[in-house]
Amino acid sequence: MVARIYRPSKNAMQSGMANSKLWRLEFEPNSPKTFDYVMGYCGSSDMNAQVKLKFESQEAAIAYCEREGIAYELMEEHPRKHRNRTYADNFRYGRIGTWSH
């Protein structure tokens, strides 16, 4: 039973950073998912796949794993690249690219 500790990335469909502040701990699946042809859904006998824990910091998640004796894999977070752009940049002189109208 190996756990993954990571910080989720920003939702691509929204501009906010709501669910990307906390660190998450999720367990790797031990058994493959099986398809039920009668009901039409996927299932698994692995109950740990349903456990998703949230922590305030990376150190708290690591401390939890070490306290409970859980093997863990730490996934490094990638820094966010932020470019300041304004609406006026769409209409500036010398703009690279074609106009949409």
Protein backbone atom coordinates (compact mmCIF):
# COMPACT_ATOMS: atom_id res chain seq x y z
CA MET A 1 0.00 0.00 0.00
CA VAL A 2 1.76 3.13 -1.29
CA ALA A 3 0.36 6.61 -0.85
CA ARG A 4 0.89 9.60 -3.12
CA ILE A 5 1.39 13.02 -1.53
CA TYR A 6 0.84 15.90 -3.93
CA ARG A 7 -0.57 19.38 -4.27
CA PRO A 8 -3.30 19.54 -6.94
CA SER A 9 -2.95 22.01 -9.78
CA LYS A 10 -5.32 24.85 -10.55
CA ASN A 11 -8.54 23.99 -12.32
CA ALA A 12 -8.14 24.88 -16.00
CA MET A 13 -11.79 25.86 -16.32
CA GLN A 14 -11.71 28.52 -13.59
CA SER A 15 -9.41 31.42 -12.82
CA GLY A 16 -9.47 30.86 -9.05
CA MET A 17 -7.08 28.82 -6.93
CA ALA A 18 -9.72 27.39 -4.57
CA ASN A 19 -8.85 23.68 -4.36
CA SER A 20 -5.11 23.96 -4.88
CA LYS A 21 -3.99 25.24 -1.47
CA LEU A 22 -4.06 21.98 0.51
CA TRP A 23 -1.83 18.93 0.11
CA ARG A 24 -3.55 15.62 -0.68
CA LEU A 25 -2.77 12.04 0.23
CA GLU A 26 -4.24 9.33 -2.00
CA PHE A 27 -3.48 5.63 -2.11
CA GLU A 28 -2.27 3.85 -5.24
CA PRO A 29 -4.75 1.22 -6.47
CA ASN A 30 -3.88 -2.34 -5.42
CA SER A 31 -6.26 -4.07 -7.81
CA PRO A 32 -7.39 -3.15 -11.32
CA LYS A 33 -10.88 -1.82 -11.95
CA THR A 34 -13.41 -4.23 -13.37
CA PHE A 35 -16.34 -3.43 -15.61
CA ASP A 36 -19.80 -4.67 -14.71
CA TYR A 37 -21.62 -5.32 -17.99
CA VAL A 38 -25.04 -5.70 -16.37
CA MET A 39 -25.10 -2.39 -14.50
CA GLY A 40 -22.69 -0.55 -16.79
CA TYR A 41 -20.23 0.86 -14.25
CA CYS A 42 -16.66 0.28 -13.17
CA GLY A 43 -15.85 -1.08 -9.75
CA SER A 44 -12.98 -2.24 -7.64
CA SER A 45 -12.49 -4.30 -4.51
CA ASP A 46 -9.82 -1.88 -3.28
CA MET A 47 -11.33 0.20 -0.47
CA ASN A 48 -8.23 2.38 -0.01
CA ALA A 49 -8.83 3.96 -3.42
CA GLN A 50 -11.74 5.86 -1.86
CA VAL A 51 -9.62 7.46 0.87
CA LYS A 52 -8.49 11.01 0.06
CA LEU A 53 -7.00 12.99 2.93
CA LYS A 54 -6.21 16.72 2.96
CA PHE A 55 -3.39 18.38 4.92
CA GLU A 56 -2.39 21.98 5.51
CA SER A 57 1.28 21.35 4.67
CA GLN A 58 3.56 18.82 3.05
CA GLU A 59 5.28 18.17 6.36
CA ALA A 60 1.96 17.28 8.02
CA ALA A 61 1.21 14.71 5.32
CA ILE A 62 4.66 13.16 5.63
CA ALA A 63 4.37 13.07 9.43
CA TYR A 64 1.01 11.27 9.13
CA CYS A 65 2.50 8.62 6.83
CA GLU A 66 5.48 8.04 9.08
CA ARG A 67 3.29 7.89 12.20
CA GLU A 68 0.93 5.32 10.63
CA GLY A 69 3.71 3.33 8.90
CA ILE A 70 2.50 4.04 5.36
CA ALA A 71 4.96 4.02 2.48
CA TYR A 72 4.63 7.24 0.51
CA GLU A 73 5.76 8.81 -2.72
CA LEU A 74 6.19 12.57 -2.76
CA MET A 75 5.29 14.29 -6.02
CA GLU A 76 7.04 17.63 -6.48
CA GLU A 77 4.88 20.61 -7.28
CA HIS A 78 5.56 22.70 -10.35
CA PRO A 79 5.62 26.45 -9.86
CA ARG A 80 2.87 28.36 -11.59
CA LYS A 81 3.97 30.62 -14.45
CA HIS A 82 1.99 33.83 -14.24
CA ARG A 83 2.08 36.44 -16.98
CA ASN A 84 0.49 39.80 -16.31
CA ARG A 85 -1.67 40.71 -19.27
CA THR A 86 -4.29 43.34 -19.73
CA TYR A 87 -7.31 43.53 -21.98
CA ALA A 88 -5.68 46.43 -23.84
CA ASP A 89 -2.90 44.10 -25.04
CA ASN A 90 -5.41 42.58 -27.47
CA PHE A 91 -5.57 45.88 -29.40
CA ARG A 92 -2.04 47.23 -29.13
CA TYR A 93 -0.02 48.32 -32.15
CA GLY A 94 2.55 45.75 -33.30
CA ARG A 95 0.57 42.85 -31.89
CA ILE A 96 1.84 39.45 -33.09
CA GLY A 97 -0.89 37.28 -34.58
CA THR A 98 -3.96 37.76 -36.70
CA TRP A 99 -7.06 39.66 -35.71
CA SER A 100 -10.20 37.67 -35.18
CA HIS A 101 -12.44 40.25 -36.87
